[in-house]
Amino acid sequence: MLVALLSAAQAFCGFYVGGADAQLYNDATLTVLMRDGTTTVLSMQNTYQGPPEDFALVVPVPQVLEKENVRTLPHEVFRKIDTLAAPRLVEYWEQDPCYDPPELKYKKRGAMKSGGEYEMVPSSVDAGLGVTIEAQFEVAEYDILILSAKDSSGLEKWLVQEEYNIPAGASSALRPYVESGTKFFVAKVDPERVTFQGDRAVLSPLRVHYDSETFALPIRLGLLNSHGEQDLLVHILGRDRRYEVANYANVTIPTNLRVTEEVKGDFGAFYEALFRNTIADRPGAVVTEYSWQSSSCDPCPGPTLDGDDVMTLGGDVTSDANPGSWTLTRLHYRYGADAVDEDLVFREAEGIIGGRGTPDPEGRFQEAVQASGQNQFQGRYAVLHPWEGPVKCRNPRRGVWGGPDGHGLPPVKPAGDSMAKRERKAVDLAAVLLDPVEIVAPHEGGVDKPNRKETIPEAE
């Protein structure tokens, strides 16, 4: 099976600062959060585009971080988790209605007291500006500073004084964080210690962990690097639980929809159209695209998470590397340059199931998303191939679905880079969907007005 990764595009939970007159912007970020009690582990894979001078990453954090709170990660684990949670396209073939499966044979392993066991045979400080360096250390290609500040304009001046090129509006964006006593994690990149491909720095992903009663992701600073509309993909690993946002509206992506074979040509274009339609009358809503135990999937577009992956993403901090203990949830948030005045705050949510199962004898799926004691939800879309061969038996069995050879497992088709920022052909959803979905006229002005679900009180 081959699956092309869905790439996360134009979103970030901090902002970039650069030397000289660098015009840096966030090209792509993939974020993974692990949450256990009040412990949060934040992993970030960032791609930059800009000149090879010193530049840095600034992320608000709730406490002073020490060197043991920060490490770099391999890129492979991000590719793996992105593939696992990405929307998928599958195909089902109707079996030969006259196919008579062979009788299953059993082989006795050996005599047991219980009567036998069987198996199936088939298989520093700057007082003038109010900025304090709380901690300073190196990690791989990064020179790390943990800063606190008494005034946002003082912090901005300090960064300028240190020869960083601050994006316009930085002081106002920093103000709410400074006023709340937030610290700032500054990861400064030394270009002598990093590989560049042209003007693109290939940076090691970063992981930080901290303790906080509030489970949130700082995204407002990311607007400073925005070129307009942004997509943010957040993957959350929760101990036997799903998460959703608490301060914006939540919606699940429509799933288990039958589509025409045309969708196979550009699944990314289809999914982009479906996503836009889903949020057209819900501007600012956060879309749940996946929630499933991290050690399983159905169908699987790639390998599930193993113990090493969970350790890499925070199991060493939470002392639980069992992938079966963690539920992986994927949230997709699209917003405009003026849409965000609050960070994303997460809360626990009840389990849901949807986007699973095989077609019924009429070739239809269960489309409704249902509450459940477990989480088995995914964005899944299917091409169905009814049987077109001869039917020569007296009692044919129609509507039995499987793989391309008439039986076995259906393959998972390439998902495509549906989040990539590039020109795509227009997709007429009504023409490619075989199941009814309300087609919504796009919201006038795009995604400039957040759809709030509720306001979260400030933490005491």
Protein backbone atom coordinates (compact mmCIF):
# COMPACT_ATOMS: atom_id res chain seq x y z
CA MET A 1 0.00 0.00 0.00
CA LEU A 2 1.23 3.48 -0.86
CA VAL A 3 0.00 6.68 0.80
CA ALA A 4 1.20 10.19 -0.07
CA LEU A 5 1.40 12.41 3.01
CA LEU A 6 -1.09 15.20 3.61
CA SER A 7 1.24 18.14 4.25
CA ALA A 8 0.43 20.70 6.97
CA ALA A 9 0.49 24.18 5.44
CA GLN A 10 1.04 27.77 6.62
CA ALA A 11 0.38 27.62 10.36
CA PHE A 12 2.41 27.83 13.56
CA CYS A 13 2.07 28.28 17.33
CA GLY A 14 4.87 30.92 17.62
CA PHE A 15 6.58 33.30 15.25
CA TYR A 16 9.93 33.65 13.56
CA VAL A 17 12.47 36.45 14.02
CA GLY A 18 15.38 36.93 11.63
CA GLY A 19 18.59 38.90 11.19
CA ALA A 20 19.05 41.75 8.72
CA ASP A 21 15.88 42.47 6.72
CA ALA A 22 14.78 38.89 6.47
CA GLN A 23 11.23 38.33 5.28
CA LEU A 24 10.67 35.00 6.95
CA TYR A 25 7.39 33.22 6.94
CA ASN A 26 6.13 29.94 8.15
CA ASP A 27 5.97 27.48 5.30
CA ALA A 28 4.73 24.39 7.04
CA THR A 29 4.34 23.14 10.59
CA LEU A 30 3.18 19.85 12.01
CA THR A 31 2.35 19.84 15.71
CA VAL A 32 1.90 16.91 18.09
CA LEU A 33 0.73 17.35 21.67
CA MET A 34 0.74 14.69 24.38
CA ARG A 35 -1.39 15.41 27.43
CA ASP A 36 -1.45 13.46 30.70
CA GLY A 37 -2.95 15.16 33.77
CA THR A 38 -1.36 18.61 33.82
CA THR A 39 1.68 17.54 31.81
CA THR A 40 1.95 18.73 28.21
CA VAL A 41 4.58 17.60 25.71
CA LEU A 42 4.69 19.81 22.59
CA SER A 43 6.52 18.55 19.50
CA MET A 44 6.97 20.79 16.45
CA GLN A 45 8.30 20.10 12.98
CA ASN A 46 8.94 23.42 11.26
CA THR A 47 9.98 24.35 7.74
CA TYR A 48 11.44 27.80 7.10
CA GLN A 49 12.10 29.77 3.95
CA GLY A 50 14.49 32.73 4.08
CA PRO A 51 18.14 33.80 3.84
CA PRO A 52 20.82 31.79 5.64
CA GLU A 53 21.42 34.38 8.41
CA ASP A 54 20.65 33.81 12.06
CA PHE A 55 16.98 33.47 12.75
CA ALA A 56 14.95 32.08 15.61
CA LEU A 57 11.72 30.62 16.73
CA VAL A 58 9.68 32.21 19.57
CA VAL A 59 7.02 30.21 21.40
CA PRO A 60 5.11 31.22 24.54
CA VAL A 61 5.42 28.66 27.36
CA PRO A 62 3.82 28.68 30.84
CA GLN A 63 7.01 28.14 32.85
CA VAL A 64 10.81 28.40 32.77
CA LEU A 65 12.20 25.43 30.86
CA GLU A 66 15.50 23.79 31.67
CA LYS A 67 17.71 21.87 29.26
CA GLU A 68 16.13 18.58 30.26
CA ASN A 69 12.77 19.94 29.10
CA VAL A 70 13.97 20.36 25.52
CA ARG A 71 15.16 17.86 22.93
CA THR A 72 15.19 17.36 19.18
CA LEU A 73 13.32 14.61 17.38
CA PRO A 74 13.66 12.65 14.14
CA HIS A 75 11.52 13.69 11.19
CA GLU A 76 10.29 10.17 10.61
CA VAL A 77 7.90 10.12 13.56
CA PHE A 78 6.04 13.15 12.16
CA ARG A 79 5.62 11.52 8.79
CA LYS A 80 4.32 8.42 10.48
CA ILE A 81 1.74 10.20 12.64
CA ASP A 82 0.60 12.42 9.76
CA THR A 83 0.05 9.42 7.54
CA LEU A 84 -1.80 7.51 10.22
CA ALA A 85 -4.32 10.32 10.90
CA ALA A 86 -4.75 11.64 7.36
CA PRO A 87 -8.10 11.34 5.54
CA ARG A 88 -8.09 8.30 3.29
CA LEU A 89 -9.61 7.02 0.08
CA VAL A 90 -10.46 3.33 -0.14
CA GLU A 91 -11.93 1.06 -2.79
CA TYR A 92 -14.25 -1.91 -2.40
CA TRP A 93 -15.11 -4.55 -4.97
CA GLU A 94 -18.22 -6.64 -4.83
CA GLN A 95 -17.37 -10.31 -4.60
CA ASP A 96 -18.50 -12.84 -7.14
CA PRO A 97 -22.08 -13.55 -6.04
CA CYS A 98 -21.47 -17.21 -6.78
CA TYR A 99 -18.21 -17.48 -4.90
CA ASP A 100 -18.24 -20.40 -2.50
CA PRO A 101 -15.55 -19.88 0.16
CA PRO A 102 -13.60 -22.96 1.13
CA GLU A 103 -14.34 -24.50 4.46
CA LEU A 104 -11.96 -23.25 7.14
CA LYS A 105 -9.66 -25.94 8.38
CA TYR A 106 -8.29 -26.13 11.87
CA LYS A 107 -5.09 -27.67 13.11
CA LYS A 108 -4.60 -28.94 16.62
CA ARG A 109 -1.44 -27.56 18.25
CA GLY A 110 -1.30 -30.19 20.97
CA ALA A 111 -3.22 -31.78 23.76
CA MET A 112 -4.24 -29.40 26.54
CA LYS A 113 -6.01 -30.05 29.83
CA SER A 114 -8.80 -27.76 28.68
CA GLY A 115 -9.49 -29.97 25.70
CA GLY A 116 -7.03 -28.50 23.21
CA GLU A 117 -6.03 -25.20 21.59
CA TYR A 118 -6.66 -24.57 17.91
CA GLU A 119 -5.57 -22.09 15.27
CA MET A 120 -6.93 -21.17 11.86
CA VAL A 121 -4.71 -22.33 9.04
CA PRO A 122 -5.34 -19.20 6.77
CA SER A 123 -3.43 -16.33 7.88
CA SER A 124 20.91 37.43 31.84
CA VAL A 125 18.87 40.45 32.68
CA ASP A 126 18.20 43.82 30.98
CA ALA A 127 16.61 45.91 33.73
CA GLY A 128 16.09 48.89 31.42
CA LEU A 129 13.82 46.91 29.11
CA GLY A 130 12.37 44.58 31.71
CA VAL A 131 13.63 41.45 29.97
CA THR A 132 15.24 38.64 31.96
CA ILE A 133 17.08 35.62 30.57
CA GLU A 134 15.77 32.90 32.87
CA ALA A 135 17.75 30.06 31.28
CA GLN A 136 20.25 29.56 28.46
CA PHE A 137 21.58 26.35 26.87
CA GLU A 138 22.26 24.61 23.54
CA VAL A 139 20.37 21.76 21.94
CA ALA A 140 21.66 20.48 18.57
CA GLU A 141 21.64 23.41 16.09
CA TYR A 142 19.63 25.58 18.47
CA ASP A 143 20.84 28.18 21.03
CA ILE A 144 17.98 28.22 23.52
CA LEU A 145 16.92 31.21 25.66
CA ILE A 146 14.03 31.26 28.10
CA LEU A 147 12.91 34.87 28.53
CA SER A 148 10.51 36.67 30.84
CA ALA A 149 9.39 40.25 30.29
CA LYS A 150 7.61 43.01 32.20
CA ASP A 151 6.41 44.85 29.12
CA SER A 152 5.74 43.70 25.57
CA SER A 153 7.32 46.79 24.00
CA GLY A 154 10.43 46.16 26.13
CA LEU A 155 10.58 42.60 24.84
CA GLU A 156 10.21 43.81 21.27
CA LYS A 157 13.00 46.38 21.80
CA TRP A 158 15.22 43.69 23.33
CA LEU A 159 14.80 41.43 20.33
CA VAL A 160 15.55 44.33 17.98
CA GLN A 161 18.58 45.24 20.10
CA GLU A 162 19.77 41.65 19.69
CA GLU A 163 19.52 42.16 15.91
CA TYR A 164 16.37 40.20 15.25
CA ASN A 165 14.03 41.48 12.60
CA ILE A 166 10.65 41.53 14.34
CA PRO A 167 7.49 41.16 12.26
CA ALA A 168 5.16 44.15 12.21
CA GLY A 169 2.71 44.10 15.11
CA ALA A 170 4.89 42.01 17.38
CA SER A 171 4.43 44.19 20.48
CA SER A 172 0.63 44.04 20.41
CA ALA A 173 0.71 40.33 19.73
CA LEU A 174 3.12 39.72 22.62
CA ARG A 175 1.19 41.90 25.09
CA PRO A 176 -1.42 39.39 26.34
CA TYR A 177 1.26 36.78 26.95
CA VAL A 178 3.50 39.24 28.86
CA GLU A 179 0.56 40.47 30.94
CA SER A 180 -0.31 36.91 31.94
CA GLY A 181 3.28 36.17 33.07
CA THR A 182 4.05 33.81 30.22
CA LYS A 183 7.67 32.95 29.50
CA PHE A 184 9.14 32.81 26.01
CA PHE A 185 11.04 29.91 24.56
CA VAL A 186 13.47 31.32 21.95
CA ALA A 187 15.24 28.76 19.80
CA LYS A 188 17.91 30.61 17.83
CA VAL A 189 19.32 28.73 14.89
CA ASP A 190 23.03 28.86 14.12
CA PRO A 191 23.36 28.51 10.32
CA GLU A 192 26.82 26.98 10.81
CA ARG A 193 25.14 24.01 12.45
CA VAL A 194 22.23 23.45 10.10
CA THR A 195 21.75 22.12 6.58
CA PHE A 196 20.16 24.34 3.94
CA GLN A 197 18.54 23.23 0.72
CA GLY A 198 18.71 26.47 -1.29
CA ASP A 199 17.11 29.03 1.03
CA ARG A 200 15.22 26.41 2.99
CA ALA A 201 16.66 25.35 6.34
CA VAL A 202 16.22 21.72 7.20
CA LEU A 203 15.83 21.99 10.96
CA SER A 204 15.55 19.31 13.56
CA PRO A 205 12.06 19.08 15.02
CA LEU A 206 11.85 20.38 18.60
CA ARG A 207 10.09 18.95 21.64
CA VAL A 208 9.43 20.76 24.93
CA HIS A 209 7.47 19.68 27.97
CA TYR A 210 5.99 21.63 30.86
CA ASP A 211 3.29 21.53 33.51
CA SER A 212 0.15 23.63 33.21
CA GLU A 213 -3.43 23.38 34.45
CA THR A 214 -4.59 24.80 31.13
CA PHE A 215 -4.18 22.68 28.02
CA ALA A 216 -3.70 25.16 25.18
CA LEU A 217 -1.74 25.83 22.01
CA PRO A 218 -0.46 29.41 21.42
CA ILE A 219 -1.36 30.29 17.85
CA ARG A 220 -1.86 34.09 17.86
CA LEU A 221 1.85 34.84 17.30
CA GLY A 222 1.72 32.73 14.15
CA LEU A 223 -0.33 35.47 12.48
CA LEU A 224 2.80 37.64 12.44
CA ASN A 225 4.24 35.34 9.78
CA SER A 226 0.99 34.80 7.95
CA HIS A 227 0.48 35.44 4.27
CA GLY A 228 -3.26 35.22 4.67
CA GLU A 229 -5.32 32.12 5.15
CA GLN A 230 -3.62 29.46 7.25
CA ASP A 231 -4.17 25.81 8.01
CA LEU A 232 -3.17 24.35 11.36
CA LEU A 233 -3.05 20.61 11.91
CA VAL A 234 -2.85 19.56 15.55
CA HIS A 235 -2.37 15.93 16.57
CA ILE A 236 -3.16 15.18 20.23
CA LEU A 237 -2.22 12.04 22.09
CA GLY A 238 -4.49 11.70 25.12
CA ARG A 239 -4.47 8.84 27.58
CA ASP A 240 -7.52 6.83 26.54
CA ARG A 241 -9.42 9.96 25.58
CA ARG A 242 -10.24 12.29 22.74
CA TYR A 243 -9.80 16.07 22.82
CA GLU A 244 -11.68 18.92 21.15
CA VAL A 245 -11.44 22.72 21.40
CA ALA A 246 -13.32 24.47 24.23
CA ASN A 247 -13.38 28.06 22.97
CA TYR A 248 -14.36 27.61 19.32
CA ALA A 249 -17.00 25.53 17.63
CA ASN A 250 -16.29 21.86 16.88
CA VAL A 251 -17.43 19.88 13.87
CA THR A 252 -16.54 16.46 12.49
CA ILE A 253 -15.63 16.07 8.84
CA PRO A 254 -18.36 14.25 6.86
CA THR A 255 -17.23 10.66 6.46
CA ASN A 256 -18.09 7.32 4.87
CA LEU A 257 -19.15 9.03 1.68
CA ARG A 258 -19.19 7.18 -1.64
CA VAL A 259 -17.44 9.02 -4.46
CA THR A 260 -16.98 8.54 -8.19
CA GLU A 261 -13.82 7.06 -9.62
CA GLU A 262 -12.84 10.55 -10.81
CA VAL A 263 -11.79 11.36 -7.23
CA LYS A 264 -8.90 8.89 -7.54
CA GLY A 265 -7.22 11.32 -9.98
CA ASP A 266 -6.81 14.05 -7.34
CA PHE A 267 -8.07 13.06 -3.92
CA GLY A 268 -6.44 16.24 -2.49
CA ALA A 269 -8.65 18.47 -4.63
CA PHE A 270 -11.75 16.57 -3.57
CA TYR A 271 -10.88 16.73 0.13
CA GLU A 272 -10.05 20.45 -0.08
CA ALA A 273 -13.48 21.08 -1.60
CA LEU A 274 -15.19 18.96 1.04
CA PHE A 275 -13.31 20.71 3.87
CA ARG A 276 -14.19 24.16 2.51
CA ASN A 277 -17.82 23.13 2.22
CA THR A 278 -17.80 21.82 5.80
CA ILE A 279 -16.67 25.17 7.26
CA ALA A 280 -18.50 27.40 4.77
CA ASP A 281 -21.32 28.18 7.20
CA ARG A 282 -19.15 27.58 10.29
CA PRO A 283 -16.29 30.09 9.93
CA GLY A 284 -13.68 29.54 12.61
CA ALA A 285 -14.86 26.06 13.52
CA VAL A 286 -12.26 23.41 14.29
CA VAL A 287 -12.72 20.19 12.35
CA THR A 288 -12.05 16.78 13.84
CA GLU A 289 -10.57 14.57 11.12
CA TYR A 290 -9.45 11.56 13.13
CA SER A 291 -9.64 9.98 16.58
CA TRP A 292 -8.51 6.39 17.14
CA GLN A 293 -6.33 4.32 19.44
CA SER A 294 -2.75 4.96 18.29
CA SER A 295 -1.87 1.28 18.09
CA SER A 296 -4.63 0.36 15.63
CA CYS A 297 -6.47 1.58 12.54
CA ASP A 298 -8.91 0.27 9.92
CA PRO A 299 -7.99 0.65 7.16
CA CYS A 300 -4.33 1.33 7.85
CA PRO A 301 -2.60 3.68 5.36
CA GLY A 302 0.72 2.95 7.06
CA PRO A 303 2.14 1.53 10.27
CA THR A 304 0.53 2.41 13.58
CA LEU A 305 2.52 4.01 16.43
CA ASP A 306 4.78 1.68 18.37
CA GLY A 307 6.41 2.02 21.79
CA ASP A 308 9.45 3.85 20.38
CA ASP A 309 7.19 6.43 18.67
CA VAL A 310 5.25 7.05 21.87
CA MET A 311 8.51 7.42 23.83
CA THR A 312 9.74 9.93 21.23
CA LEU A 313 6.57 12.00 21.46
CA GLY A 314 6.50 12.12 25.28
CA GLY A 315 6.08 8.66 26.76
CA ASP A 316 9.42 9.10 28.56
CA VAL A 317 7.89 12.12 30.36
CA THR A 318 4.53 10.55 31.13
CA SER A 319 6.09 7.15 31.95
CA ASP A 320 3.74 5.33 29.60
CA ALA A 321 5.09 4.14 26.25
CA ASN A 322 2.25 1.72 25.54
CA PRO A 323 0.63 2.86 22.27
CA GLY A 324 -2.55 1.10 23.32
CA SER A 325 -2.91 3.63 26.17
CA TRP A 326 -3.09 6.63 23.87
CA THR A 327 -5.84 7.96 21.62
CA LEU A 328 -4.63 9.98 18.63
CA THR A 329 -6.88 12.89 17.62
CA ARG A 330 -6.30 15.10 14.59
CA LEU A 331 -7.82 18.63 14.57
CA HIS A 332 -7.77 20.90 11.52
CA TYR A 333 -8.23 24.66 11.97
CA ARG A 334 -8.32 27.13 9.08
CA TYR A 335 -8.27 30.83 9.84
CA GLY A 336 -7.58 34.23 8.26
CA ALA A 337 -5.16 36.98 9.25
CA ASP A 338 -7.73 38.74 11.46
CA ALA A 339 -9.57 35.72 12.77
CA VAL A 340 -7.70 34.81 15.94
CA ASP A 341 -7.70 36.69 19.25
CA GLU A 342 -7.57 33.61 21.48
CA ASP A 343 -5.26 30.63 21.52
CA LEU A 344 -6.75 27.19 21.08
CA VAL A 345 -7.83 25.72 24.43
CA PHE A 346 -8.54 21.99 24.55
CA ARG A 347 -10.84 19.89 26.69
CA GLU A 348 -11.62 16.22 27.04
CA ALA A 349 -14.48 14.96 24.90
CA GLU A 350 -16.59 11.83 24.77
CA GLY A 351 -15.69 9.09 22.37
CA ILE A 352 -17.06 8.95 18.83
CA ILE A 353 -17.21 6.37 16.07
CA GLY A 354 -17.62 6.98 12.36
CA GLY A 355 -15.96 6.35 9.02
CA ARG A 356 -15.69 2.62 9.59
CA GLY A 357 -17.42 -0.58 8.55
CA THR A 358 -18.05 -2.18 5.16
CA PRO A 359 -20.81 -1.37 2.68
CA ASP A 360 -24.18 -3.03 3.32
CA PRO A 361 -25.80 -5.25 0.62
CA GLU A 362 -27.14 -2.10 -1.11
CA GLY A 363 -23.63 -0.64 -1.17
CA ARG A 364 -24.19 2.04 1.48
CA PHE A 365 -22.22 3.00 4.59
CA GLN A 366 -23.25 4.21 8.03
CA GLU A 367 -22.56 7.94 7.61
CA ALA A 368 -23.73 9.22 11.01
CA VAL A 369 -21.09 9.93 13.66
CA GLN A 370 -22.17 8.38 16.94
CA ALA A 371 -21.20 8.81 20.59
CA SER A 372 -19.35 5.82 21.95
CA GLY A 373 -17.29 4.55 24.84
CA GLN A 374 -14.37 4.20 22.42
CA ASN A 375 -12.84 6.32 19.67
CA GLN A 376 -12.87 4.98 16.13
CA PHE A 377 -13.44 7.98 13.86
CA GLN A 378 -11.74 8.88 10.59
CA GLY A 379 -12.37 10.82 7.41
CA ARG A 380 -12.85 7.99 4.91
CA TYR A 381 -14.18 8.06 1.35
CA ALA A 382 -14.87 5.10 -0.89
CA VAL A 383 -15.06 4.10 -4.52
CA LEU A 384 -17.29 1.05 -4.98
CA HIS A 385 -17.06 -1.40 -7.87
CA PRO A 386 -20.20 -3.55 -8.23
CA TRP A 387 -19.81 -7.05 -9.69
CA GLU A 388 -19.99 -6.96 -13.51
CA GLY A 389 -19.13 -10.55 -14.30
CA PRO A 390 -21.51 -13.44 -15.00
CA VAL A 391 -23.89 -14.74 -12.36
CA LYS A 392 -24.44 -18.42 -13.04
CA CYS A 393 -25.51 -19.85 -9.70
CA ARG A 394 -29.01 -20.47 -8.44
CA ASN A 395 -28.72 -18.48 -5.18
CA PRO A 396 -26.31 -15.59 -5.74
CA ARG A 397 -25.16 -13.55 -2.74
CA ARG A 398 -25.02 -9.89 -3.77
CA GLY A 399 -23.47 -7.05 -1.78
CA VAL A 400 -20.50 -8.82 -0.26
CA TRP A 401 -17.53 -6.46 -0.51
CA GLY A 402 -13.79 -6.94 -0.35
CA GLY A 403 -10.53 -6.47 -2.20
CA PRO A 404 -9.80 -6.25 -5.93
CA ASP A 405 -9.59 -9.98 -6.39
CA GLY A 406 -13.15 -10.47 -5.21
CA HIS A 407 -12.16 -11.22 -1.64
CA GLY A 408 -9.57 -10.12 0.89
CA LEU A 409 -8.93 -6.61 2.19
CA PRO A 410 -9.59 -3.42 0.16
CA PRO A 411 -6.54 -1.25 -0.52
CA VAL A 412 -6.04 2.29 0.79
CA LYS A 413 -5.38 4.69 -2.07
CA PRO A 414 -2.98 7.68 -2.03
CA ALA A 415 -4.45 10.53 -0.02
CA GLY A 416 -2.60 13.30 -1.87
CA ASP A 417 -1.20 16.55 -0.47
CA SER A 418 -4.60 18.10 0.19
CA MET A 419 -3.26 20.74 2.62
CA ALA A 420 -0.44 21.89 0.35
CA LYS A 421 -0.58 25.53 -0.74
CA ARG A 422 -0.86 25.21 -4.49
CA GLU A 423 -3.32 25.76 -7.29
CA ARG A 424 -5.93 23.05 -7.60
CA LYS A 425 -8.63 22.36 -10.08
CA ALA A 426 -12.15 23.21 -8.98
CA VAL A 427 -14.16 20.22 -7.82
CA ASP A 428 -17.94 20.06 -8.18
CA LEU A 429 -18.84 18.12 -5.05
CA ALA A 430 -22.34 17.37 -6.26
CA ALA A 431 -20.88 15.69 -9.33
CA VAL A 432 -18.43 13.40 -7.54
CA LEU A 433 -20.40 12.52 -4.40
CA LEU A 434 -22.80 9.59 -4.63
CA ASP A 435 -24.24 10.33 -1.18
CA PRO A 436 -26.19 13.53 -0.41
CA VAL A 437 -24.22 16.27 1.33
CA GLU A 438 -25.57 19.77 1.80
CA ILE A 439 -23.64 22.07 -0.51
CA VAL A 440 -23.12 25.38 1.33
CA ALA A 441 -22.41 28.72 -0.32
CA PRO A 442 -18.98 29.99 0.83
CA HIS A 443 -19.07 32.48 3.71
CA GLU A 444 -18.66 36.01 2.41
CA GLY A 445 -15.20 37.24 3.37
CA GLY A 446 -13.78 33.77 3.90
CA VAL A 447 -12.79 32.72 7.41
CA ASP A 448 -12.47 36.17 9.00
CA LYS A 449 -15.09 35.71 11.73
CA PRO A 450 -14.43 33.01 14.31
CA ASN A 451 -17.35 30.88 15.35
CA ARG A 452 -17.12 30.76 19.14
CA LYS A 453 -18.66 27.96 21.10
CA GLU A 454 -17.98 29.30 24.58
CA THR A 455 -15.59 31.56 26.49
CA ILE A 456 -13.04 29.93 28.77
CA PRO A 457 -12.53 31.72 32.11
CA GLU A 458 -9.00 32.65 33.00
CA ALA A 459 -7.16 30.06 35.06
CA GLU A 460 -6.96 30.93 38.74
